[in-house]
């Protein structure tokens, strides 16, 4: 049985992405947020275990949130004015 991959240590340097790679993929906009350090480590580890880039993780997570919101909205009863 294979052991799960450990997330990268927070002290390991993060490899820099060449700007040409970003332009080639059409992903050139930066998205900077302030989050707790523990969450940052957890998110980076989650992405690393799946061999994903953080941008891919954000895209997938946002798509799932939108789907869940649409499902929730579909389950809500329509407002009727019963005055």
N, C-alpha and C. Protein backbone atom coordinates (compact mmCIF):
# COMPACT_ATOMS: atom_id res chain seq x y z
N UNK A 1 0.85 -1.18 0.00
CA UNK A 1 0.00 0.00 0.00
C UNK A 1 0.89 1.23 0.00
N UNK A 2 0.56 2.16 -0.84
CA UNK A 2 1.36 3.37 -0.99
C UNK A 2 0.93 4.41 0.03
N UNK A 3 1.89 5.03 0.70
CA UNK A 3 1.58 6.07 1.66
C UNK A 3 1.20 7.35 0.93
N UNK A 4 0.26 8.13 1.49
CA UNK A 4 -0.12 9.39 0.83
C UNK A 4 1.05 10.36 0.80
N UNK A 5 1.07 11.17 -0.23
CA UNK A 5 2.12 12.17 -0.38
C UNK A 5 1.94 13.24 0.68
N UNK A 6 3.05 13.58 1.34
CA UNK A 6 3.00 14.64 2.36
C UNK A 6 2.99 15.99 1.67
N UNK A 7 2.27 16.96 2.24
CA UNK A 7 2.30 18.30 1.65
C UNK A 7 3.69 18.90 1.82
N UNK A 8 4.07 19.82 0.92
CA UNK A 8 5.39 20.42 1.04
C UNK A 8 5.52 21.19 2.34
N UNK A 9 6.71 21.15 2.89
CA UNK A 9 6.98 21.89 4.11
C UNK A 9 6.87 23.38 3.82
N UNK A 10 6.31 24.15 4.76
CA UNK A 10 6.18 25.58 4.50
C UNK A 10 7.52 26.28 4.34
N UNK A 11 8.60 25.63 4.78
CA UNK A 11 9.92 26.26 4.68
C UNK A 11 10.60 25.94 3.35
N UNK A 12 10.03 24.99 2.56
CA UNK A 12 10.61 24.68 1.26
C UNK A 12 10.30 25.82 0.30
N UNK A 13 11.27 26.19 -0.53
CA UNK A 13 10.98 27.27 -1.48
C UNK A 13 9.96 26.81 -2.51
N UNK A 14 9.06 27.70 -2.85
CA UNK A 14 8.04 27.40 -3.85
C UNK A 14 8.64 27.73 -5.21
N UNK A 15 8.59 26.77 -6.16
CA UNK A 15 9.18 27.07 -7.47
C UNK A 15 8.47 28.21 -8.15
N UNK A 16 9.23 29.09 -8.77
CA UNK A 16 8.67 30.25 -9.46
C UNK A 16 8.13 29.78 -10.81
N UNK A 17 7.03 30.35 -11.21
CA UNK A 17 6.44 30.02 -12.50
C UNK A 17 6.91 31.06 -13.50
N UNK A 18 7.44 30.59 -14.61
CA UNK A 18 7.91 31.46 -15.67
C UNK A 18 6.72 32.20 -16.27
N UNK A 19 6.85 33.50 -16.46
CA UNK A 19 5.77 34.31 -17.01
C UNK A 19 5.31 33.84 -18.37
N UNK A 20 6.20 33.23 -19.14
CA UNK A 20 5.82 32.74 -20.47
C UNK A 20 4.79 31.63 -20.34
N UNK A 21 4.90 30.81 -19.30
CA UNK A 21 3.93 29.74 -19.07
C UNK A 21 2.56 30.34 -18.80
N UNK A 22 2.52 31.39 -18.00
CA UNK A 22 1.25 32.03 -17.69
C UNK A 22 0.60 32.61 -18.94
N UNK A 23 1.38 33.27 -19.75
CA UNK A 23 0.83 33.87 -20.97
C UNK A 23 0.35 32.79 -21.93
N UNK A 24 1.07 31.70 -22.01
CA UNK A 24 0.70 30.61 -22.91
C UNK A 24 -0.65 30.02 -22.50
N UNK A 25 -0.93 29.98 -21.21
CA UNK A 25 -2.19 29.44 -20.71
C UNK A 25 -3.29 30.48 -20.65
N UNK A 26 -2.96 31.74 -20.93
CA UNK A 26 -3.96 32.79 -20.88
C UNK A 26 -4.29 33.22 -19.45
N UNK A 27 -3.44 32.85 -18.51
CA UNK A 27 -3.70 33.18 -17.10
C UNK A 27 -2.65 34.19 -16.64
N UNK A 28 -2.98 35.46 -16.82
CA UNK A 28 -2.00 36.49 -16.53
C UNK A 28 -2.40 37.41 -15.38
N UNK A 29 -3.61 37.26 -14.84
CA UNK A 29 -4.07 38.14 -13.78
C UNK A 29 -3.68 37.57 -12.42
N UNK A 30 -3.10 38.40 -11.59
CA UNK A 30 -2.73 37.99 -10.24
C UNK A 30 -3.94 38.09 -9.33
N UNK A 31 -4.00 37.22 -8.32
CA UNK A 31 -5.11 37.21 -7.37
C UNK A 31 -4.50 37.05 -5.99
N UNK A 32 -4.38 38.15 -5.27
CA UNK A 32 -3.72 38.11 -3.97
C UNK A 32 -4.76 38.26 -2.87
N UNK A 33 -4.71 37.36 -1.90
CA UNK A 33 -5.63 37.42 -0.77
C UNK A 33 -4.84 37.23 0.52
N UNK A 34 -5.38 37.72 1.61
CA UNK A 34 -4.77 37.51 2.92
C UNK A 34 -5.58 36.46 3.65
N UNK A 35 -4.91 35.38 4.03
CA UNK A 35 -5.56 34.29 4.74
C UNK A 35 -4.65 33.86 5.88
N UNK A 36 -5.20 33.15 6.87
CA UNK A 36 -4.34 32.66 7.96
C UNK A 36 -3.27 31.70 7.43
N UNK A 37 -2.12 31.73 8.04
CA UNK A 37 -1.00 30.90 7.60
C UNK A 37 -1.36 29.41 7.57
N UNK A 38 -2.13 28.96 8.56
CA UNK A 38 -2.50 27.54 8.62
C UNK A 38 -3.34 27.15 7.39
N UNK A 39 -4.25 28.03 7.00
CA UNK A 39 -5.08 27.76 5.83
C UNK A 39 -4.22 27.74 4.57
N UNK A 40 -3.28 28.65 4.48
CA UNK A 40 -2.38 28.70 3.33
C UNK A 40 -1.61 27.39 3.20
N UNK A 41 -1.08 26.90 4.30
CA UNK A 41 -0.32 25.65 4.29
C UNK A 41 -1.23 24.49 3.88
N UNK A 42 -2.45 24.48 4.42
CA UNK A 42 -3.39 23.41 4.10
C UNK A 42 -3.78 23.42 2.62
N UNK A 43 -4.05 24.60 2.09
CA UNK A 43 -4.43 24.71 0.68
C UNK A 43 -3.28 24.29 -0.23
N UNK A 44 -2.07 24.76 0.07
CA UNK A 44 -0.91 24.38 -0.74
C UNK A 44 -0.68 22.88 -0.70
N UNK A 45 -0.83 22.28 0.48
CA UNK A 45 -0.66 20.83 0.61
C UNK A 45 -1.72 20.08 -0.17
N UNK A 46 -2.97 20.56 -0.10
CA UNK A 46 -4.08 19.94 -0.83
C UNK A 46 -3.79 19.95 -2.32
N UNK A 47 -3.36 21.10 -2.83
CA UNK A 47 -3.05 21.22 -4.26
C UNK A 47 -1.85 20.37 -4.64
N UNK A 48 -0.83 20.34 -3.80
CA UNK A 48 0.38 19.57 -4.10
C UNK A 48 0.08 18.08 -4.17
N UNK A 49 -0.77 17.58 -3.26
CA UNK A 49 -1.11 16.15 -3.27
C UNK A 49 -1.81 15.76 -4.57
N UNK A 50 -2.50 16.70 -5.16
CA UNK A 50 -3.24 16.42 -6.39
C UNK A 50 -2.49 16.92 -7.63
N UNK A 51 -1.28 17.39 -7.42
CA UNK A 51 -0.44 17.92 -8.50
C UNK A 51 -1.18 19.01 -9.29
N UNK A 52 -1.79 19.91 -8.51
CA UNK A 52 -2.54 21.02 -9.10
C UNK A 52 -1.82 22.33 -8.81
N UNK A 53 -2.05 23.30 -9.65
CA UNK A 53 -1.60 24.65 -9.36
C UNK A 53 -2.67 25.31 -8.51
N UNK A 54 -2.29 26.31 -7.73
CA UNK A 54 -3.27 26.99 -6.88
C UNK A 54 -4.39 27.62 -7.70
N UNK A 55 -4.07 28.14 -8.86
CA UNK A 55 -5.09 28.73 -9.72
C UNK A 55 -6.12 27.70 -10.16
N UNK A 56 -5.66 26.49 -10.47
CA UNK A 56 -6.59 25.42 -10.84
C UNK A 56 -7.51 25.07 -9.68
N UNK A 57 -6.93 25.05 -8.48
CA UNK A 57 -7.72 24.74 -7.29
C UNK A 57 -8.80 25.81 -7.08
N UNK A 58 -8.44 27.07 -7.23
CA UNK A 58 -9.39 28.16 -7.06
C UNK A 58 -10.50 28.04 -8.11
N UNK A 59 -10.13 27.77 -9.37
CA UNK A 59 -11.12 27.64 -10.43
C UNK A 59 -12.12 26.52 -10.13
N UNK A 60 -11.60 25.36 -9.73
CA UNK A 60 -12.48 24.22 -9.44
C UNK A 60 -13.35 24.48 -8.21
N UNK A 61 -12.77 25.06 -7.19
CA UNK A 61 -13.53 25.34 -5.97
C UNK A 61 -14.65 26.35 -6.27
N UNK A 62 -14.37 27.36 -7.07
CA UNK A 62 -15.38 28.36 -7.40
C UNK A 62 -16.50 27.73 -8.23
N UNK A 63 -16.15 26.86 -9.17
CA UNK A 63 -17.16 26.19 -9.98
C UNK A 63 -18.08 25.34 -9.10
N UNK A 64 -17.52 24.65 -8.12
CA UNK A 64 -18.31 23.83 -7.21
C UNK A 64 -19.21 24.70 -6.35
N UNK A 65 -18.69 25.82 -5.85
CA UNK A 65 -19.52 26.73 -5.06
C UNK A 65 -20.71 27.26 -5.86
N UNK A 66 -20.46 27.61 -7.12
CA UNK A 66 -21.56 28.10 -7.96
C UNK A 66 -22.60 27.01 -8.18
N UNK A 67 -22.16 25.77 -8.40
CA UNK A 67 -23.10 24.66 -8.58
C UNK A 67 -23.94 24.45 -7.33
N UNK A 68 -23.28 24.47 -6.16
CA UNK A 68 -24.00 24.27 -4.90
C UNK A 68 -25.00 25.39 -4.65
N UNK A 69 -24.61 26.61 -4.98
CA UNK A 69 -25.52 27.75 -4.81
C UNK A 69 -26.73 27.60 -5.72
N UNK A 70 -26.51 27.16 -6.95
CA UNK A 70 -27.63 26.96 -7.88
C UNK A 70 -28.56 25.87 -7.36
N UNK A 71 -28.01 24.79 -6.82
CA UNK A 71 -28.83 23.72 -6.26
C UNK A 71 -29.65 24.23 -5.08
N UNK A 72 -29.01 25.02 -4.21
CA UNK A 72 -29.71 25.57 -3.04
C UNK A 72 -30.84 26.50 -3.48
N UNK A 73 -30.59 27.32 -4.47
CA UNK A 73 -31.60 28.26 -4.94
C UNK A 73 -32.78 27.50 -5.56
N UNK A 74 -32.50 26.39 -6.23
CA UNK A 74 -33.56 25.61 -6.87
C UNK A 74 -34.45 24.94 -5.82
N UNK A 75 -33.90 24.65 -4.64
CA UNK A 75 -34.67 23.99 -3.58
C UNK A 75 -35.52 24.95 -2.78
N UNK A 76 -35.19 26.23 -2.82
CA UNK A 76 -35.95 27.22 -2.05
C UNK A 76 -37.31 27.44 -2.66
N UNK A 77 -38.35 27.55 -1.84
CA UNK A 77 -39.68 27.84 -2.38
C UNK A 77 -39.72 29.25 -2.93
N UNK A 78 -40.51 29.43 -3.96
CA UNK A 78 -40.65 30.76 -4.56
C UNK A 78 -41.45 31.65 -3.60
N UNK A 79 -41.03 32.91 -3.48
CA UNK A 79 -41.76 33.86 -2.63
C UNK A 79 -43.10 34.19 -3.30
N UNK A 80 -44.13 34.10 -2.54
CA UNK A 80 -45.45 34.50 -3.06
C UNK A 80 -45.99 35.59 -2.17
N UNK A 81 -46.57 36.58 -2.76
CA UNK A 81 -47.14 37.66 -1.95
C UNK A 81 -48.55 37.27 -1.53
N UNK A 82 -48.67 36.87 -0.27
CA UNK A 82 -49.95 36.40 0.28
C UNK A 82 -50.52 37.47 1.19
N UNK A 83 -50.53 38.68 0.75
CA UNK A 83 -51.08 39.77 1.56
C UNK A 83 -52.52 39.94 1.32
